[in-house]
Amino acid sequence: TALVAVDIVGLTVCDARGFGRQKGQVERYRGNEFT
């Protein structure tokens, strides 16, 4: 929406996975911790 508002159209979107400084994160699911 922000790009269209400044008259920039034409965009390619891809799903990606990665990590940076946070090096992943610890999650909890049904009482179990996993990274």
ModelCIF file with pLDDT and N, C-alpha, C, O atoms, coordinates in Angstrom:
data_MODEL
#
_entry.id   MODEL 
#
_entity.id                         1 
_entity.type                       polymer 
_entity.pdbx_number_of_molecules   1 
#
_entity_poly.entity_id                      1 
_entity_poly.type                           'polypeptide(L)' 
_entity_poly.nstd_linkage                   no 
_entity_poly.nstd_monomer                   no 
_entity_poly.pdbx_seq_one_letter_code       TALVAVDIVGLTVCDARGFGRQKGQVERYRGNEFT 
_entity_poly.pdbx_seq_one_letter_code_can   TALVAVDIVGLTVCDARGFGRQKGQVERYRGNEFT 
_entity_poly.pdbx_strand_id                 A 
#
loop_
_entity_poly_seq.entity_id 
_entity_poly_seq.num 
_entity_poly_seq.mon_id 
_entity_poly_seq.hetero 
1 1  THR n 
1 2  ALA n 
1 3  LEU n 
1 4  VAL n 
1 5  ALA n 
1 6  VAL n 
1 7  ASP n 
1 8  ILE n 
1 9  VAL n 
1 10 GLY n 
1 11 LEU n 
1 12 THR n 
1 13 VAL n 
1 14 CYS n 
1 15 ASP n 
1 16 ALA n 
1 17 ARG n 
1 18 GLY n 
1 19 PHE n 
1 20 GLY n 
1 21 ARG n 
1 22 GLN n 
1 23 LYS n 
1 24 GLY n 
1 25 GLN n 
1 26 VAL n 
1 27 GLU n 
1 28 ARG n 
1 29 TYR n 
1 30 ARG n 
1 31 GLY n 
1 32 ASN n 
1 33 GLU n 
1 34 PHE n 
1 35 THR n 
#
_struct_asym.id          A 
_struct_asym.entity_id   1 
#
loop_
_ma_qa_metric.id 
_ma_qa_metric.mode 
_ma_qa_metric.name 
_ma_qa_metric.software_group_id 
_ma_qa_metric.type 
1 global pLDDT . pLDDT 
2 local  pLDDT . pLDDT 
#
_ma_qa_metric_global.metric_id      1 
_ma_qa_metric_global.metric_value   81.31 
_ma_qa_metric_global.model_id       1 
_ma_qa_metric_global.ordinal_id     1 
#
loop_
_ma_qa_metric_local.label_asym_id 
_ma_qa_metric_local.label_comp_id 
_ma_qa_metric_local.label_seq_id 
_ma_qa_metric_local.metric_id 
_ma_qa_metric_local.metric_value 
_ma_qa_metric_local.model_id 
_ma_qa_metric_local.ordinal_id 
A THR 1  2 97.00 1 1  
A ALA 2  2 98.00 1 2  
A LEU 3  2 98.00 1 3  
A VAL 4  2 97.00 1 4  
A ALA 5  2 97.00 1 5  
A VAL 6  2 97.00 1 6  
A ASP 7  2 95.00 1 7  
A ILE 8  2 95.00 1 8  
A VAL 9  2 91.00 1 9  
A GLY 10 2 92.00 1 10 
A LEU 11 2 95.00 1 11 
A THR 12 2 97.00 1 12 
A VAL 13 2 98.00 1 13 
A CYS 14 2 97.00 1 14 
A ASP 15 2 97.00 1 15 
A ALA 16 2 95.00 1 16 
A ARG 17 2 89.00 1 17 
A GLY 18 2 84.00 1 18 
A PHE 19 2 78.00 1 19 
A GLY 20 2 77.00 1 20 
A ARG 21 2 71.00 1 21 
A GLN 22 2 65.00 1 22 
A LYS 23 2 64.00 1 23 
A GLY 24 2 58.00 1 24 
A GLN 25 2 61.00 1 25 
A VAL 26 2 61.00 1 26 
A GLU 27 2 60.00 1 27 
A ARG 28 2 65.00 1 28 
A TYR 29 2 65.00 1 29 
A ARG 30 2 72.00 1 30 
A GLY 31 2 72.00 1 31 
A ASN 32 2 71.00 1 32 
A GLU 33 2 65.00 1 33 
A PHE 34 2 64.00 1 34 
A THR 35 2 68.00 1 35 
#
loop_
_atom_site.group_PDB 
_atom_site.id 
_atom_site.type_symbol 
_atom_site.label_atom_id 
_atom_site.label_alt_id 
_atom_site.label_comp_id 
_atom_site.label_asym_id 
_atom_site.label_entity_id 
_atom_site.label_seq_id 
_atom_site.pdbx_PDB_ins_code 
_atom_site.Cartn_x 
_atom_site.Cartn_y 
_atom_site.Cartn_z 
_atom_site.occupancy 
_atom_site.B_iso_or_equiv 
_atom_site.pdbx_formal_charge 
_atom_site.auth_seq_id 
_atom_site.auth_comp_id 
_atom_site.auth_asym_id 
_atom_site.auth_atom_id 
_atom_site.pdbx_PDB_model_num 
ATOM 1   N N  . THR A 1 1  ? 0.830  -1.206  0.000   1.00 97.00 ? 1  THR A N  1 
ATOM 2   C CA . THR A 1 1  ? 0.000  0.000   0.000   1.00 97.00 ? 1  THR A CA 1 
ATOM 3   C C  . THR A 1 1  ? 0.865  1.257   0.000   1.00 97.00 ? 1  THR A C  1 
ATOM 4   O O  . THR A 1 1  ? 0.558  2.219   -0.704  1.00 97.00 ? 1  THR A O  1 
ATOM 5   N N  . ALA A 1 2  ? 1.941  1.257   0.781   1.00 98.00 ? 2  ALA A N  1 
ATOM 6   C CA . ALA A 1 2  ? 2.834  2.417   0.842   1.00 98.00 ? 2  ALA A CA 1 
ATOM 7   C C  . ALA A 1 2  ? 3.534  2.649   -0.490  1.00 98.00 ? 2  ALA A C  1 
ATOM 8   O O  . ALA A 1 2  ? 3.706  3.796   -0.903  1.00 98.00 ? 2  ALA A O  1 
ATOM 9   N N  . LEU A 1 3  ? 3.940  1.582   -1.168  1.00 98.00 ? 3  LEU A N  1 
ATOM 10  C CA . LEU A 1 3  ? 4.608  1.725   -2.465  1.00 98.00 ? 3  LEU A CA 1 
ATOM 11  C C  . LEU A 1 3  ? 3.636  2.242   -3.533  1.00 98.00 ? 3  LEU A C  1 
ATOM 12  O O  . LEU A 1 3  ? 3.995  3.110   -4.328  1.00 98.00 ? 3  LEU A O  1 
ATOM 13  N N  . VAL A 1 4  ? 2.426  1.720   -3.552  1.00 97.00 ? 4  VAL A N  1 
ATOM 14  C CA . VAL A 1 4  ? 1.428  2.186   -4.523  1.00 97.00 ? 4  VAL A CA 1 
ATOM 15  C C  . VAL A 1 4  ? 1.100  3.658   -4.268  1.00 97.00 ? 4  VAL A C  1 
ATOM 16  O O  . VAL A 1 4  ? 0.871  4.413   -5.213  1.00 97.00 ? 4  VAL A O  1 
ATOM 17  N N  . ALA A 1 5  ? 1.077  4.069   -2.999  1.00 97.00 ? 5  ALA A N  1 
ATOM 18  C CA . ALA A 1 5  ? 0.769  5.457   -2.653  1.00 97.00 ? 5  ALA A CA 1 
ATOM 19  C C  . ALA A 1 5  ? 1.806  6.433   -3.192  1.00 97.00 ? 5  ALA A C  1 
ATOM 20  O O  . ALA A 1 5  ? 1.482  7.590   -3.456  1.00 97.00 ? 5  ALA A O  1 
ATOM 21  N N  . VAL A 1 6  ? 3.058  5.983   -3.362  1.00 97.00 ? 6  VAL A N  1 
ATOM 22  C CA . VAL A 1 6  ? 4.100  6.852   -3.914  1.00 97.00 ? 6  VAL A CA 1 
ATOM 23  C C  . VAL A 1 6  ? 4.355  6.536   -5.390  1.00 97.00 ? 6  VAL A C  1 
ATOM 24  O O  . VAL A 1 6  ? 5.414  6.860   -5.929  1.00 97.00 ? 6  VAL A O  1 
ATOM 25  N N  . ASP A 1 7  ? 3.389  5.910   -6.025  1.00 95.00 ? 7  ASP A N  1 
ATOM 26  C CA . ASP A 1 7  ? 3.393  5.637   -7.466  1.00 95.00 ? 7  ASP A CA 1 
ATOM 27  C C  . ASP A 1 7  ? 4.510  4.678   -7.882  1.00 95.00 ? 7  ASP A C  1 
ATOM 28  O O  . ASP A 1 7  ? 5.123  4.852   -8.936  1.00 95.00 ? 7  ASP A O  1 
ATOM 29  N N  . ILE A 1 8  ? 4.767  3.680   -7.063  1.00 95.00 ? 8  ILE A N  1 
ATOM 30  C CA . ILE A 1 8  ? 5.706  2.622   -7.431  1.00 95.00 ? 8  ILE A CA 1 
ATOM 31  C C  . ILE A 1 8  ? 4.894  1.349   -7.578  1.00 95.00 ? 8  ILE A C  1 
ATOM 32  O O  . ILE A 1 8  ? 4.385  0.795   -6.604  1.00 95.00 ? 8  ILE A O  1 
ATOM 33  N N  . VAL A 1 9  ? 4.785  0.903   -8.814  1.00 91.00 ? 9  VAL A N  1 
ATOM 34  C CA . VAL A 1 9  ? 4.050  -0.322  -9.096  1.00 91.00 ? 9  VAL A CA 1 
ATOM 35  C C  . VAL A 1 9  ? 5.013  -1.295  -9.775  1.00 91.00 ? 9  VAL A C  1 
ATOM 36  O O  . VAL A 1 9  ? 5.973  -0.881  -10.425 1.00 91.00 ? 9  VAL A O  1 
ATOM 37  N N  . GLY A 1 10 ? 4.753  -2.551  -9.621  1.00 92.00 ? 10 GLY A N  1 
ATOM 38  C CA . GLY A 1 10 ? 5.641  -3.562  -10.156 1.00 92.00 ? 10 GLY A CA 1 
ATOM 39  C C  . GLY A 1 10 ? 6.475  -4.107  -9.011  1.00 92.00 ? 10 GLY A C  1 
ATOM 40  O O  . GLY A 1 10 ? 7.430  -3.471  -8.565  1.00 92.00 ? 10 GLY A O  1 
ATOM 41  N N  . LEU A 1 11 ? 6.111  -5.275  -8.545  1.00 95.00 ? 11 LEU A N  1 
ATOM 42  C CA . LEU A 1 11 ? 6.700  -5.826  -7.343  1.00 95.00 ? 11 LEU A CA 1 
ATOM 43  C C  . LEU A 1 11 ? 6.685  -7.340  -7.458  1.00 95.00 ? 11 LEU A C  1 
ATOM 44  O O  . LEU A 1 11 ? 5.678  -7.928  -7.853  1.00 95.00 ? 11 LEU A O  1 
ATOM 45  N N  . THR A 1 12 ? 7.792  -7.968  -7.115  1.00 97.00 ? 12 THR A N  1 
ATOM 46  C CA . THR A 1 12 ? 7.854  -9.425  -7.070  1.00 97.00 ? 12 THR A CA 1 
ATOM 47  C C  . THR A 1 12 ? 7.982  -9.835  -5.617  1.00 97.00 ? 12 THR A C  1 
ATOM 48  O O  . THR A 1 12 ? 8.797  -9.277  -4.882  1.00 97.00 ? 12 THR A O  1 
ATOM 49  N N  . VAL A 1 13 ? 7.182  -10.811 -5.196  1.00 98.00 ? 13 VAL A N  1 
ATOM 50  C CA . VAL A 1 13 ? 7.162  -11.259 -3.811  1.00 98.00 ? 13 VAL A CA 1 
ATOM 51  C C  . VAL A 1 13 ? 7.485  -12.743 -3.762  1.00 98.00 ? 13 VAL A C  1 
ATOM 52  O O  . VAL A 1 13 ? 6.910  -13.539 -4.504  1.00 98.00 ? 13 VAL A O  1 
ATOM 53  N N  . CYS A 1 14 ? 8.416  -13.111 -2.873  1.00 97.00 ? 14 CYS A N  1 
ATOM 54  C CA . CYS A 1 14 ? 8.772  -14.516 -2.657  1.00 97.00 ? 14 CYS A CA 1 
ATOM 55  C C  . CYS A 1 14 ? 8.772  -14.788 -1.162  1.00 97.00 ? 14 CYS A C  1 
ATOM 56  O O  . CYS A 1 14 ? 9.167  -13.932 -0.369  1.00 97.00 ? 14 CYS A O  1 
ATOM 57  N N  . ASP A 1 15 ? 8.332  -15.971 -0.779  1.00 97.00 ? 15 ASP A N  1 
ATOM 58  C CA . ASP A 1 15 ? 8.449  -16.386 0.614   1.00 97.00 ? 15 ASP A CA 1 
ATOM 59  C C  . ASP A 1 15 ? 9.894  -16.787 0.869   1.00 97.00 ? 15 ASP A C  1 
ATOM 60  O O  . ASP A 1 15 ? 10.528 -17.424 0.027   1.00 97.00 ? 15 ASP A O  1 
ATOM 61  N N  . ALA A 1 16 ? 10.405 -16.415 2.020   1.00 95.00 ? 16 ALA A N  1 
ATOM 62  C CA . ALA A 1 16 ? 11.790 -16.728 2.369   1.00 95.00 ? 16 ALA A CA 1 
ATOM 63  C C  . ALA A 1 16 ? 11.843 -17.112 3.840   1.00 95.00 ? 16 ALA A C  1 
ATOM 64  O O  . ALA A 1 16 ? 10.925 -16.819 4.606   1.00 95.00 ? 16 ALA A O  1 
ATOM 65  N N  . ARG A 1 17 ? 12.927 -17.769 4.221   1.00 89.00 ? 17 ARG A N  1 
ATOM 66  C CA . ARG A 1 17 ? 13.178 -18.088 5.619   1.00 89.00 ? 17 ARG A CA 1 
ATOM 67  C C  . ARG A 1 17 ? 14.631 -17.756 5.916   1.00 89.00 ? 17 ARG A C  1 
ATOM 68  O O  . ARG A 1 17 ? 15.501 -17.951 5.067   1.00 89.00 ? 17 ARG A O  1 
ATOM 69  N N  . GLY A 1 18 ? 14.897 -17.262 7.104   1.00 84.00 ? 18 GLY A N  1 
ATOM 70  C CA . GLY A 1 18 ? 16.267 -16.947 7.446   1.00 84.00 ? 18 GLY A CA 1 
ATOM 71  C C  . GLY A 1 18 ? 16.385 -16.462 8.871   1.00 84.00 ? 18 GLY A C  1 
ATOM 72  O O  . GLY A 1 18 ? 15.414 -16.461 9.628   1.00 84.00 ? 18 GLY A O  1 
ATOM 73  N N  . PHE A 1 19 ? 17.597 -16.047 9.228   1.00 78.00 ? 19 PHE A N  1 
ATOM 74  C CA . PHE A 1 19 ? 17.810 -15.462 10.546  1.00 78.00 ? 19 PHE A CA 1 
ATOM 75  C C  . PHE A 1 19 ? 18.929 -14.458 10.460  1.00 78.00 ? 19 PHE A C  1 
ATOM 76  O O  . PHE A 1 19 ? 19.779 -14.515 9.572   1.00 78.00 ? 19 PHE A O  1 
ATOM 77  N N  . GLY A 1 20 ? 18.913 -13.541 11.394  1.00 77.00 ? 20 GLY A N  1 
ATOM 78  C CA . GLY A 1 20 ? 19.939 -12.517 11.468  1.00 77.00 ? 20 GLY A CA 1 
ATOM 79  C C  . GLY A 1 20 ? 20.530 -12.516 12.856  1.00 77.00 ? 20 GLY A C  1 
ATOM 80  O O  . GLY A 1 20 ? 20.919 -13.561 13.378  1.00 77.00 ? 20 GLY A O  1 
ATOM 81  N N  . ARG A 1 21 ? 20.595 -11.356 13.446  1.00 71.00 ? 21 ARG A N  1 
ATOM 82  C CA . ARG A 1 21 ? 21.203 -11.228 14.773  1.00 71.00 ? 21 ARG A CA 1 
ATOM 83  C C  . ARG A 1 21 ? 20.444 -11.993 15.844  1.00 71.00 ? 21 ARG A C  1 
ATOM 84  O O  . ARG A 1 21 ? 21.032 -12.428 16.835  1.00 71.00 ? 21 ARG A O  1 
ATOM 85  N N  . GLN A 1 22 ? 19.122 -12.162 15.648  1.00 65.00 ? 22 GLN A N  1 
ATOM 86  C CA . GLN A 1 22 ? 18.353 -12.851 16.676  1.00 65.00 ? 22 GLN A CA 1 
ATOM 87  C C  . GLN A 1 22 ? 18.616 -14.347 16.675  1.00 65.00 ? 22 GLN A C  1 
ATOM 88  O O  . GLN A 1 22 ? 18.226 -15.034 17.619  1.00 65.00 ? 22 GLN A O  1 
ATOM 89  N N  . LYS A 1 23 ? 19.269 -14.871 15.643  1.00 64.00 ? 23 LYS A N  1 
ATOM 90  C CA . LYS A 1 23 ? 19.655 -16.281 15.535  1.00 64.00 ? 23 LYS A CA 1 
ATOM 91  C C  . LYS A 1 23 ? 18.505 -17.226 15.835  1.00 64.00 ? 23 LYS A C  1 
ATOM 92  O O  . LYS A 1 23 ? 18.673 -18.206 16.560  1.00 64.00 ? 23 LYS A O  1 
ATOM 93  N N  . GLY A 1 24 ? 17.363 -16.941 15.290  1.00 58.00 ? 24 GLY A N  1 
ATOM 94  C CA . GLY A 1 24 ? 16.183 -17.756 15.573  1.00 58.00 ? 24 GLY A CA 1 
ATOM 95  C C  . GLY A 1 24 ? 15.565 -17.303 16.881  1.00 58.00 ? 24 GLY A C  1 
ATOM 96  O O  . GLY A 1 24 ? 15.977 -16.295 17.454  1.00 58.00 ? 24 GLY A O  1 
ATOM 97  N N  . GLN A 1 25 ? 14.599 -18.029 17.340  1.00 61.00 ? 25 GLN A N  1 
ATOM 98  C CA . GLN A 1 25 ? 13.956 -17.669 18.594  1.00 61.00 ? 25 GLN A CA 1 
ATOM 99  C C  . GLN A 1 25 ? 13.408 -18.914 19.266  1.00 61.00 ? 25 GLN A C  1 
ATOM 100 O O  . GLN A 1 25 ? 13.170 -19.931 18.614  1.00 61.00 ? 25 GLN A O  1 
ATOM 101 N N  . VAL A 1 26 ? 13.209 -18.829 20.564  1.00 61.00 ? 26 VAL A N  1 
ATOM 102 C CA . VAL A 1 26 ? 12.661 -19.959 21.318  1.00 61.00 ? 26 VAL A CA 1 
ATOM 103 C C  . VAL A 1 26 ? 11.155 -19.786 21.398  1.00 61.00 ? 26 VAL A C  1 
ATOM 104 O O  . VAL A 1 26 ? 10.670 -18.728 21.797  1.00 61.00 ? 26 VAL A O  1 
ATOM 105 N N  . GLU A 1 27 ? 10.422 -20.804 21.025  1.00 60.00 ? 27 GLU A N  1 
ATOM 106 C CA . GLU A 1 27 ? 8.962  -20.801 21.047  1.00 60.00 ? 27 GLU A CA 1 
ATOM 107 C C  . GLU A 1 27 ? 8.479  -21.841 22.042  1.00 60.00 ? 27 GLU A C  1 
ATOM 108 O O  . GLU A 1 27 ? 9.194  -22.789 22.366  1.00 60.00 ? 27 GLU A O  1 
ATOM 109 N N  . ARG A 1 28 ? 7.273  -21.655 22.515  1.00 65.00 ? 28 ARG A N  1 
ATOM 110 C CA . ARG A 1 28 ? 6.626  -22.658 23.369  1.00 65.00 ? 28 ARG A CA 1 
ATOM 111 C C  . ARG A 1 28 ? 5.359  -23.138 22.671  1.00 65.00 ? 28 ARG A C  1 
ATOM 112 O O  . ARG A 1 28 ? 4.571  -22.343 22.158  1.00 65.00 ? 28 ARG A O  1 
ATOM 113 N N  . TYR A 1 29 ? 5.184  -24.453 22.666  1.00 65.00 ? 29 TYR A N  1 
ATOM 114 C CA . TYR A 1 29 ? 3.986  -25.032 22.078  1.00 65.00 ? 29 TYR A CA 1 
ATOM 115 C C  . TYR A 1 29 ? 3.543  -26.175 22.973  1.00 65.00 ? 29 TYR A C  1 
ATOM 116 O O  . TYR A 1 29 ? 4.252  -27.171 23.120  1.00 65.00 ? 29 TYR A O  1 
ATOM 117 N N  . ARG A 1 30 ? 2.367  -26.028 23.571  1.00 72.00 ? 30 ARG A N  1 
ATOM 118 C CA . ARG A 1 30 ? 1.820  -27.038 24.484  1.00 72.00 ? 30 ARG A CA 1 
ATOM 119 C C  . ARG A 1 30 ? 2.814  -27.419 25.584  1.00 72.00 ? 30 ARG A C  1 
ATOM 120 O O  . ARG A 1 30 ? 2.977  -28.594 25.913  1.00 72.00 ? 30 ARG A O  1 
ATOM 121 N N  . GLY A 1 31 ? 3.470  -26.406 26.140  1.00 72.00 ? 31 GLY A N  1 
ATOM 122 C CA . GLY A 1 31 ? 4.372  -26.624 27.249  1.00 72.00 ? 31 GLY A CA 1 
ATOM 123 C C  . GLY A 1 31 ? 5.781  -27.044 26.874  1.00 72.00 ? 31 GLY A C  1 
ATOM 124 O O  . GLY A 1 31 ? 6.652  -27.099 27.742  1.00 72.00 ? 31 GLY A O  1 
ATOM 125 N N  . ASN A 1 32 ? 6.027  -27.338 25.625  1.00 71.00 ? 32 ASN A N  1 
ATOM 126 C CA . ASN A 1 32 ? 7.357  -27.746 25.187  1.00 71.00 ? 32 ASN A CA 1 
ATOM 127 C C  . ASN A 1 32 ? 8.066  -26.568 24.527  1.00 71.00 ? 32 ASN A C  1 
ATOM 128 O O  . ASN A 1 32 ? 7.471  -25.827 23.745  1.00 71.00 ? 32 ASN A O  1 
ATOM 129 N N  . GLU A 1 33 ? 9.341  -26.411 24.851  1.00 65.00 ? 33 GLU A N  1 
ATOM 130 C CA . GLU A 1 33 ? 10.145 -25.371 24.213  1.00 65.00 ? 33 GLU A CA 1 
ATOM 131 C C  . GLU A 1 33 ? 10.861 -25.944 23.007  1.00 65.00 ? 33 GLU A C  1 
ATOM 132 O O  . GLU A 1 33 ? 11.357 -27.070 23.048  1.00 65.00 ? 33 GLU A O  1 
ATOM 133 N N  . PHE A 1 34 ? 10.914 -25.174 21.941  1.00 64.00 ? 34 PHE A N  1 
ATOM 134 C CA . PHE A 1 34 ? 11.701 -25.560 20.782  1.00 64.00 ? 34 PHE A CA 1 
ATOM 135 C C  . PHE A 1 34 ? 12.236 -24.312 20.122  1.00 64.00 ? 34 PHE A C  1 
ATOM 136 O O  . PHE A 1 34 ? 11.665 -23.229 20.253  1.00 64.00 ? 34 PHE A O  1 
ATOM 137 N N  . THR A 1 35 ? 13.334 -24.470 19.412  1.00 68.00 ? 35 THR A N  1 
ATOM 138 C CA . THR A 1 35 ? 13.994 -23.337 18.768  1.00 68.00 ? 35 THR A CA 1 
ATOM 139 C C  . THR A 1 35 ? 13.613 -23.302 17.296  1.00 68.00 ? 35 THR A C  1 
ATOM 140 O O  . THR A 1 35 ? 14.062 -22.421 16.562  1.00 68.00 ? 35 THR A O  1 
#
